[in-house]
Every structure is written in structure tokens, then in C-alpha cells.
PDB file of all heavy atoms in Angstrom:
ATOM      1  N   TRP A   1      19.858  -2.038 100.235  1.00  0.00           N
ATOM      2  CA  TRP A   1      19.354  -3.233 100.936  1.00  0.00           C
ATOM      3  C   TRP A   1      20.360  -4.358 100.718  1.00  0.00           C
ATOM      4  O   TRP A   1      20.324  -5.060  99.733  1.00  0.00           O
ATOM      5  CB  TRP A   1      17.973  -3.627 100.427  1.00  0.00           C
ATOM      6  CG  TRP A   1      17.230  -4.607 101.249  1.00  0.00           C
ATOM      7  CD1 TRP A   1      17.750  -5.636 101.977  1.00  0.00           C
ATOM      8  CD2 TRP A   1      15.818  -4.663 101.465  1.00  0.00           C
ATOM      9  NE1 TRP A   1      16.766  -6.363 102.607  1.00  0.00           N
ATOM     10  CE2 TRP A   1      15.567  -5.765 102.330  1.00  0.00           C
ATOM     11  CE3 TRP A   1      14.726  -3.891 101.013  1.00  0.00           C
ATOM     12  CZ2 TRP A   1      14.267  -6.109 102.698  1.00  0.00           C
ATOM     13  CZ3 TRP A   1      13.460  -4.232 101.399  1.00  0.00           C
ATOM     14  CH2 TRP A   1      13.241  -5.341 102.232  1.00  0.00           C
ATOM     15  N   LEU A   2      21.265  -4.538 101.652  1.00  0.00           N
ATOM     16  CA  LEU A   2      22.269  -5.614 101.578  1.00  0.00           C
ATOM     17  C   LEU A   2      21.594  -6.952 101.806  1.00  0.00           C
ATOM     18  O   LEU A   2      20.758  -7.093 102.717  1.00  0.00           O
ATOM     19  CB  LEU A   2      23.350  -5.364 102.662  1.00  0.00           C
ATOM     20  CG  LEU A   2      24.473  -6.345 102.671  1.00  0.00           C
ATOM     21  CD1 LEU A   2      25.346  -6.175 101.446  1.00  0.00           C
ATOM     22  CD2 LEU A   2      25.333  -6.164 103.961  1.00  0.00           C
ATOM     23  N   LYS A   3      21.899  -7.892 100.948  1.00  0.00           N
ATOM     24  CA  LYS A   3      21.328  -9.255 101.055  1.00  0.00           C
ATOM     25  C   LYS A   3      19.803  -9.288 100.876  1.00  0.00           C
ATOM     26  O   LYS A   3      19.081  -9.989 101.598  1.00  0.00           O
ATOM     27  CB  LYS A   3      21.719  -9.929 102.317  1.00  0.00           C
ATOM     28  CG  LYS A   3      23.238 -10.102 102.519  1.00  0.00           C
ATOM     29  CD  LYS A   3      23.624 -10.794 103.792  1.00  0.00           C
ATOM     30  CE  LYS A   3      25.092 -10.972 103.949  1.00  0.00           C
ATOM     31  NZ  LYS A   3      25.483 -11.611 105.198  1.00  0.00           N
ATOM     32  N   PHE A   4      19.345  -8.455  99.958  1.00  0.00           N
ATOM     33  CA  PHE A   4      17.889  -8.454  99.634  1.00  0.00           C
ATOM     34  C   PHE A   4      17.460  -9.901  99.350  1.00  0.00           C
ATOM     35  O   PHE A   4      18.043 -10.595  98.510  1.00  0.00           O
ATOM     36  CB  PHE A   4      17.656  -7.566  98.436  1.00  0.00           C
ATOM     37  CG  PHE A   4      16.170  -7.424  98.023  1.00  0.00           C
ATOM     38  CD1 PHE A   4      15.326  -6.687  98.725  1.00  0.00           C
ATOM     39  CD2 PHE A   4      15.701  -8.106  96.874  1.00  0.00           C
ATOM     40  CE1 PHE A   4      13.987  -6.534  98.354  1.00  0.00           C
ATOM     41  CE2 PHE A   4      14.405  -7.977  96.501  1.00  0.00           C
ATOM     42  CZ  PHE A   4      13.512  -7.189  97.220  1.00  0.00           C
ATOM     43  N   PRO A   5      16.388 -10.419 100.008  1.00  0.00           N
ATOM     44  CA  PRO A   5      16.105 -11.843  99.997  1.00  0.00           C
ATOM     45  C   PRO A   5      15.218 -12.333  98.860  1.00  0.00           C
ATOM     46  O   PRO A   5      14.966 -13.556  98.804  1.00  0.00           O
ATOM     47  CB  PRO A   5      15.440 -12.056 101.339  1.00  0.00           C
ATOM     48  CG  PRO A   5      14.707 -10.775 101.589  1.00  0.00           C
ATOM     49  CD  PRO A   5      15.572  -9.691 101.007  1.00  0.00           C
ATOM     50  N   LEU A   6      14.712 -11.473  98.000  1.00  0.00           N
ATOM     51  CA  LEU A   6      13.741 -11.875  97.012  1.00  0.00           C
ATOM     52  C   LEU A   6      14.289 -11.867  95.591  1.00  0.00           C
ATOM     53  O   LEU A   6      15.378 -11.277  95.338  1.00  0.00           O
ATOM     54  CB  LEU A   6      12.451 -10.967  97.074  1.00  0.00           C
ATOM     55  CG  LEU A   6      11.810 -10.973  98.447  1.00  0.00           C
ATOM     56  CD1 LEU A   6      10.633 -10.026  98.462  1.00  0.00           C
ATOM     57  CD2 LEU A   6      11.340 -12.365  98.825  1.00  0.00           C
ATOM     58  N   ARG A   7      13.578 -12.445  94.642  1.00  0.00           N
ATOM     59  CA  ARG A   7      14.006 -12.573  93.248  1.00  0.00           C
ATOM     60  C   ARG A   7      13.943 -11.270  92.506  1.00  0.00           C
ATOM     61  O   ARG A   7      14.702 -11.102  91.506  1.00  0.00           O
ATOM     62  CB  ARG A   7      13.161 -13.603  92.542  1.00  0.00           C
ATOM     63  CG  ARG A   7      13.382 -15.059  93.016  1.00  0.00           C
ATOM     64  CD  ARG A   7      12.326 -15.969  92.450  1.00  0.00           C
ATOM     65  NE  ARG A   7      12.199 -15.905  91.017  1.00  0.00           N
ATOM     66  CZ  ARG A   7      12.876 -16.646  90.154  1.00  0.00           C
ATOM     67  NH1 ARG A   7      13.755 -17.488  90.618  1.00  0.00           N
ATOM     68  NH2 ARG A   7      12.697 -16.503  88.866  1.00  0.00           N
ATOM     69  N   SER A   8      13.053 -10.363  92.891  1.00  0.00           N
ATOM     70  CA  SER A   8      12.943  -9.095  92.171  1.00  0.00           C
ATOM     71  C   SER A   8      12.292  -8.047  93.068  1.00  0.00           C
ATOM     72  O   SER A   8      11.772  -8.382  94.111  1.00  0.00           O
ATOM     73  CB  SER A   8      12.091  -9.257  90.886  1.00  0.00           C
ATOM     74  OG  SER A   8      10.750  -9.517  91.214  1.00  0.00           O
ATOM     75  N   LEU A   9      12.314  -6.818  92.594  1.00  0.00           N
ATOM     76  CA  LEU A   9      11.584  -5.759  93.247  1.00  0.00           C
ATOM     77  C   LEU A   9      10.110  -5.885  92.923  1.00  0.00           C
ATOM     78  O   LEU A   9       9.754  -6.521  91.929  1.00  0.00           O
ATOM     79  CB  LEU A   9      12.124  -4.379  92.818  1.00  0.00           C
ATOM     80  CG  LEU A   9      13.528  -4.083  93.329  1.00  0.00           C
ATOM     81  CD1 LEU A   9      14.066  -2.828  92.588  1.00  0.00           C
ATOM     82  CD2 LEU A   9      13.542  -3.828  94.784  1.00  0.00           C
ATOM     83  N   PRO A  10       9.218  -5.323  93.743  1.00  0.00           N
ATOM     84  CA  PRO A  10       7.760  -5.429  93.446  1.00  0.00           C
ATOM     85  C   PRO A  10       7.455  -4.902  92.044  1.00  0.00           C
ATOM     86  O   PRO A  10       8.014  -3.899  91.610  1.00  0.00           O
ATOM     87  CB  PRO A  10       7.129  -4.535  94.531  1.00  0.00           C
ATOM     88  CG  PRO A  10       8.106  -4.492  95.646  1.00  0.00           C
ATOM     89  CD  PRO A  10       9.445  -4.572  94.976  1.00  0.00           C
ATOM     90  N   SER A  11       6.557  -5.555  91.370  1.00  0.00           N
ATOM     91  CA  SER A  11       6.213  -5.182  89.990  1.00  0.00           C
ATOM     92  C   SER A  11       5.579  -3.766  89.892  1.00  0.00           C
ATOM     93  O   SER A  11       5.672  -3.081  88.887  1.00  0.00           O
ATOM     94  CB  SER A  11       5.254  -6.203  89.385  1.00  0.00           C
ATOM     95  OG  SER A  11       4.060  -6.304  90.146  1.00  0.00           O
ATOM     96  N   SER A  12       4.974  -3.345  91.009  1.00  0.00           N
ATOM     97  CA  SER A  12       4.315  -2.025  91.099  1.00  0.00           C
ATOM     98  C   SER A  12       5.286  -0.931  91.404  1.00  0.00           C
ATOM     99  O   SER A  12       4.932   0.266  91.340  1.00  0.00           O
ATOM    100  CB  SER A  12       3.205  -2.030  92.151  1.00  0.00           C
ATOM    101  OG  SER A  12       3.745  -2.305  93.399  1.00  0.00           O
ATOM    102  N   PHE A  13       6.521  -1.267  91.705  1.00  0.00           N
ATOM    103  CA  PHE A  13       7.508  -0.266  92.158  1.00  0.00           C
ATOM    104  C   PHE A  13       7.980   0.611  90.962  1.00  0.00           C
ATOM    105  O   PHE A  13       8.506   0.103  89.983  1.00  0.00           O
ATOM    106  CB  PHE A  13       8.706  -1.027  92.737  1.00  0.00           C
ATOM    107  CG  PHE A  13       9.770  -0.149  93.382  1.00  0.00           C
ATOM    108  CD1 PHE A  13       9.411   0.891  94.226  1.00  0.00           C
ATOM    109  CD2 PHE A  13      11.100  -0.378  93.118  1.00  0.00           C
ATOM    110  CE1 PHE A  13      10.361   1.654  94.855  1.00  0.00           C
ATOM    111  CE2 PHE A  13      12.077   0.419  93.723  1.00  0.00           C
ATOM    112  CZ  PHE A  13      11.710   1.426  94.585  1.00  0.00           C
ATOM    113  N   ASN A  14       7.673   1.910  91.078  1.00  0.00           N
ATOM    114  CA  ASN A  14       8.021   2.809  89.996  1.00  0.00           C
ATOM    115  C   ASN A  14       8.564   4.134  90.595  1.00  0.00           C
ATOM    116  O   ASN A  14       7.908   5.142  90.603  1.00  0.00           O
ATOM    117  CB  ASN A  14       6.829   3.113  89.105  1.00  0.00           C
ATOM    118  CG  ASN A  14       7.182   3.883  87.855  1.00  0.00           C
ATOM    119  OD1 ASN A  14       8.306   3.729  87.362  1.00  0.00           O
ATOM    120  ND2 ASN A  14       6.301   4.714  87.370  1.00  0.00           N
ATOM    121  N   PRO A  15       9.766   4.061  91.144  1.00  0.00           N
ATOM    122  CA  PRO A  15      10.367   5.173  91.902  1.00  0.00           C
ATOM    123  C   PRO A  15      10.947   6.250  91.004  1.00  0.00           C
ATOM    124  O   PRO A  15      12.155   6.249  90.774  1.00  0.00           O
ATOM    125  CB  PRO A  15      11.423   4.500  92.776  1.00  0.00           C
ATOM    126  CG  PRO A  15      11.887   3.384  91.878  1.00  0.00           C
ATOM    127  CD  PRO A  15      10.711   2.941  91.099  1.00  0.00           C
ATOM    128  N   GLU A  16      10.163   7.133  90.538  1.00  0.00           N
ATOM    129  CA  GLU A  16      10.631   8.104  89.537  1.00  0.00           C
ATOM    130  C   GLU A  16      11.708   9.065  90.122  1.00  0.00           C
ATOM    131  O   GLU A  16      12.442   9.678  89.324  1.00  0.00           O
ATOM    132  CB  GLU A  16       9.446   8.917  88.983  1.00  0.00           C
ATOM    133  CG  GLU A  16       8.455   8.078  88.209  1.00  0.00           C
ATOM    134  CD  GLU A  16       7.333   8.892  87.641  1.00  0.00           C
ATOM    135  OE1 GLU A  16       7.251  10.078  87.965  1.00  0.00           O
ATOM    136  OE2 GLU A  16       6.541   8.326  86.912  1.00  0.00           O
ATOM    137  N   LYS A  17      11.820   9.131  91.450  1.00  0.00           N
ATOM    138  CA  LYS A  17      12.788  10.055  92.053  1.00  0.00           C
ATOM    139  C   LYS A  17      14.034   9.293  92.510  1.00  0.00           C
ATOM    140  O   LYS A  17      14.920   9.920  93.113  1.00  0.00           O
ATOM    141  CB  LYS A  17      12.150  10.788  93.254  1.00  0.00           C
ATOM    142  CG  LYS A  17      10.943  11.626  92.868  1.00  0.00           C
ATOM    143  CD  LYS A  17      10.272  12.233  94.071  1.00  0.00           C
ATOM    144  CE  LYS A  17       9.027  13.004  93.756  1.00  0.00           C
ATOM    145  NZ  LYS A  17       8.382  13.561  94.953  1.00  0.00           N
ATOM    146  N   ILE A  18      14.165   7.984  92.267  1.00  0.00           N
ATOM    147  CA  ILE A  18      15.254   7.207  92.815  1.00  0.00           C
ATOM    148  C   ILE A  18      16.584   7.691  92.274  1.00  0.00           C
ATOM    149  O   ILE A  18      16.697   7.961  91.074  1.00  0.00           O
ATOM    150  CB  ILE A  18      15.026   5.712  92.533  1.00  0.00           C
ATOM    151  CG1 ILE A  18      15.907   4.796  93.382  1.00  0.00           C
ATOM    152  CG2 ILE A  18      15.191   5.382  91.049  1.00  0.00           C
ATOM    153  CD1 ILE A  18      15.443   4.581  94.765  1.00  0.00           C
ATOM    154  N   LYS A  19      17.562   7.822  93.143  1.00  0.00           N
ATOM    155  CA  LYS A  19      18.906   8.216  92.762  1.00  0.00           C
ATOM    156  C   LYS A  19      19.910   7.082  92.834  1.00  0.00           C
ATOM    157  O   LYS A  19      20.871   7.031  92.103  1.00  0.00           O
ATOM    158  CB  LYS A  19      19.386   9.347  93.662  1.00  0.00           C
ATOM    159  CG  LYS A  19      18.534  10.607  93.518  1.00  0.00           C
ATOM    160  CD  LYS A  19      18.996  11.666  94.521  1.00  0.00           C
ATOM    161  CE  LYS A  19      18.160  12.937  94.445  1.00  0.00           C
ATOM    162  NZ  LYS A  19      18.546  13.964  95.406  1.00  0.00           N
ATOM    163  N   GLU A  20      19.689   6.145  93.806  1.00  0.00           N
ATOM    164  CA  GLU A  20      20.652   5.065  94.018  1.00  0.00           C
ATOM    165  C   GLU A  20      19.939   3.774  94.355  1.00  0.00           C
ATOM    166  O   GLU A  20      19.041   3.765  95.235  1.00  0.00           O
ATOM    167  CB  GLU A  20      21.592   5.427  95.175  1.00  0.00           C
ATOM    168  CG  GLU A  20      22.566   4.342  95.582  1.00  0.00           C
ATOM    169  CD  GLU A  20      23.394   4.731  96.796  1.00  0.00           C
ATOM    170  OE1 GLU A  20      23.492   5.905  97.113  1.00  0.00           O
ATOM    171  OE2 GLU A  20      23.920   3.798  97.421  1.00  0.00           O
ATOM    172  N   ILE A  21      20.323   2.713  93.681  1.00  0.00           N
ATOM    173  CA  ILE A  21      19.873   1.365  94.033  1.00  0.00           C
ATOM    174  C   ILE A  21      21.124   0.549  94.325  1.00  0.00           C
ATOM    175  O   ILE A  21      21.950   0.302  93.456  1.00  0.00           O
ATOM    176  CB  ILE A  21      19.092   0.696  92.854  1.00  0.00           C
ATOM    177  CG1 ILE A  21      17.793   1.494  92.577  1.00  0.00           C
ATOM    178  CG2 ILE A  21      18.758  -0.747  93.209  1.00  0.00           C
ATOM    179  CD1 ILE A  21      17.021   1.009  91.357  1.00  0.00           C
ATOM    180  N   ASN A  22      21.247   0.193  95.590  1.00  0.00           N
ATOM    181  CA  ASN A  22      22.458  -0.553  96.007  1.00  0.00           C
ATOM    182  C   ASN A  22      21.968  -1.807  96.720  1.00  0.00           C
ATOM    183  O   ASN A  22      21.459  -1.733  97.875  1.00  0.00           O
ATOM    184  CB  ASN A  22      23.264   0.314  96.948  1.00  0.00           C
ATOM    185  CG  ASN A  22      24.652  -0.269  97.292  1.00  0.00           C
ATOM    186  OD1 ASN A  22      24.802  -1.464  97.281  1.00  0.00           O
ATOM    187  ND2 ASN A  22      25.595   0.612  97.526  1.00  0.00           N
ATOM    188  N   MET A  23      22.123  -2.974  96.059  1.00  0.00           N
ATOM    189  CA  MET A  23      21.631  -4.196  96.625  1.00  0.00           C
ATOM    190  C   MET A  23      22.665  -5.297  96.454  1.00  0.00           C
ATOM    191  O   MET A  23      22.450  -6.326  95.782  1.00  0.00           O
ATOM    192  CB  MET A  23      20.304  -4.587  95.909  1.00  0.00           C
ATOM    193  CG  MET A  23      19.245  -3.492  96.058  1.00  0.00           C
ATOM    194  SD  MET A  23      17.777  -3.790  95.016  1.00  0.00           S
ATOM    195  CE  MET A  23      16.999  -5.089  95.948  1.00  0.00           C
ATOM    196  N   CYS A  24      23.830  -5.101  97.069  1.00  0.00           N
ATOM    197  CA  CYS A  24      24.934  -6.064  96.990  1.00  0.00           C
ATOM    198  C   CYS A  24      24.532  -7.379  97.664  1.00  0.00           C
ATOM    199  O   CYS A  24      23.757  -7.354  98.653  1.00  0.00           O
ATOM    200  CB  CYS A  24      26.160  -5.499  97.638  1.00  0.00           C
ATOM    201  SG  CYS A  24      26.722  -3.921  96.940  1.00  0.00           S
ATOM    202  N   HIS A  25      25.114  -8.469  97.220  1.00  0.00           N
ATOM    203  CA  HIS A  25      24.946  -9.780  97.869  1.00  0.00           C
ATOM    204  C   HIS A  25      23.466 -10.168  97.995  1.00  0.00           C
ATOM    205  O   HIS A  25      23.046 -10.799  98.952  1.00  0.00           O
ATOM    206  CB  HIS A  25      25.598  -9.763  99.241  1.00  0.00           C
ATOM    207  CG  HIS A  25      27.083  -9.528  99.204  1.00  0.00           C
ATOM    208  ND1 HIS A  25      27.977 -10.545  98.976  1.00  0.00           N
ATOM    209  CD2 HIS A  25      27.771  -8.386  99.388  1.00  0.00           C
ATOM    210  CE1 HIS A  25      29.225  -9.998  98.992  1.00  0.00           C
ATOM    211  NE2 HIS A  25      29.137  -8.723  99.237  1.00  0.00           N
ATOM    212  N   SER A  26      22.669  -9.743  96.993  1.00  0.00           N
ATOM    213  CA  SER A  26      21.218 -10.000  97.074  1.00  0.00           C
ATOM    214  C   SER A  26      20.897 -11.344  96.390  1.00  0.00           C
ATOM    215  O   SER A  26      21.722 -11.970  95.747  1.00  0.00           O
ATOM    216  CB  SER A  26      20.493  -8.874  96.380  1.00  0.00           C
ATOM    217  OG  SER A  26      20.625  -8.952  94.989  1.00  0.00           O
ATOM    218  N   GLN A  27      19.636 -11.718  96.530  1.00  0.00           N
ATOM    219  CA  GLN A  27      19.104 -12.913  95.846  1.00  0.00           C
ATOM    220  C   GLN A  27      18.389 -12.548  94.568  1.00  0.00           C
ATOM    221  O   GLN A  27      17.692 -13.373  93.919  1.00  0.00           O
ATOM    222  CB  GLN A  27      18.120 -13.630  96.762  1.00  0.00           C
ATOM    223  CG  GLN A  27      18.735 -14.201  98.046  1.00  0.00           C
ATOM    224  CD  GLN A  27      19.811 -15.230  97.722  1.00  0.00           C
ATOM    225  OE1 GLN A  27      19.628 -16.103  96.915  1.00  0.00           O
ATOM    226  NE2 GLN A  27      20.922 -15.118  98.420  1.00  0.00           N
ATOM    227  N   ILE A  28      18.587 -11.301  94.114  1.00  0.00           N
ATOM    228  CA  ILE A  28      17.940 -10.781  92.910  1.00  0.00           C
ATOM    229  C   ILE A  28      18.259 -11.689  91.658  1.00  0.00           C
ATOM    230  O   ILE A  28      19.391 -12.024  91.427  1.00  0.00           O
ATOM    231  CB  ILE A  28      18.371  -9.319  92.645  1.00  0.00           C
ATOM    232  CG1 ILE A  28      17.655  -8.353  93.586  1.00  0.00           C
ATOM    233  CG2 ILE A  28      18.191  -8.914  91.215  1.00  0.00           C
ATOM    234  CD1 ILE A  28      16.258  -8.016  93.162  1.00  0.00           C
TER     235      ILE A  28
END
């Protein structure tokens, strides 16, 4: 998610199968 606009990911987010998190140029 390029340029993700929010301060964080959802607190309920628990992606146990996630392989890649790519959030360049984000507002994280």
C-alpha cells in the first residue's frame, strides 16, 4: 500500500499468513 494514509494498521489486524508488508511513503 504505497502512501498508506493512516497512523497505524487496524488494532484487530492479525494476519498470521502475511509474507510481505510494503508500505513505502506512508503516513504510518
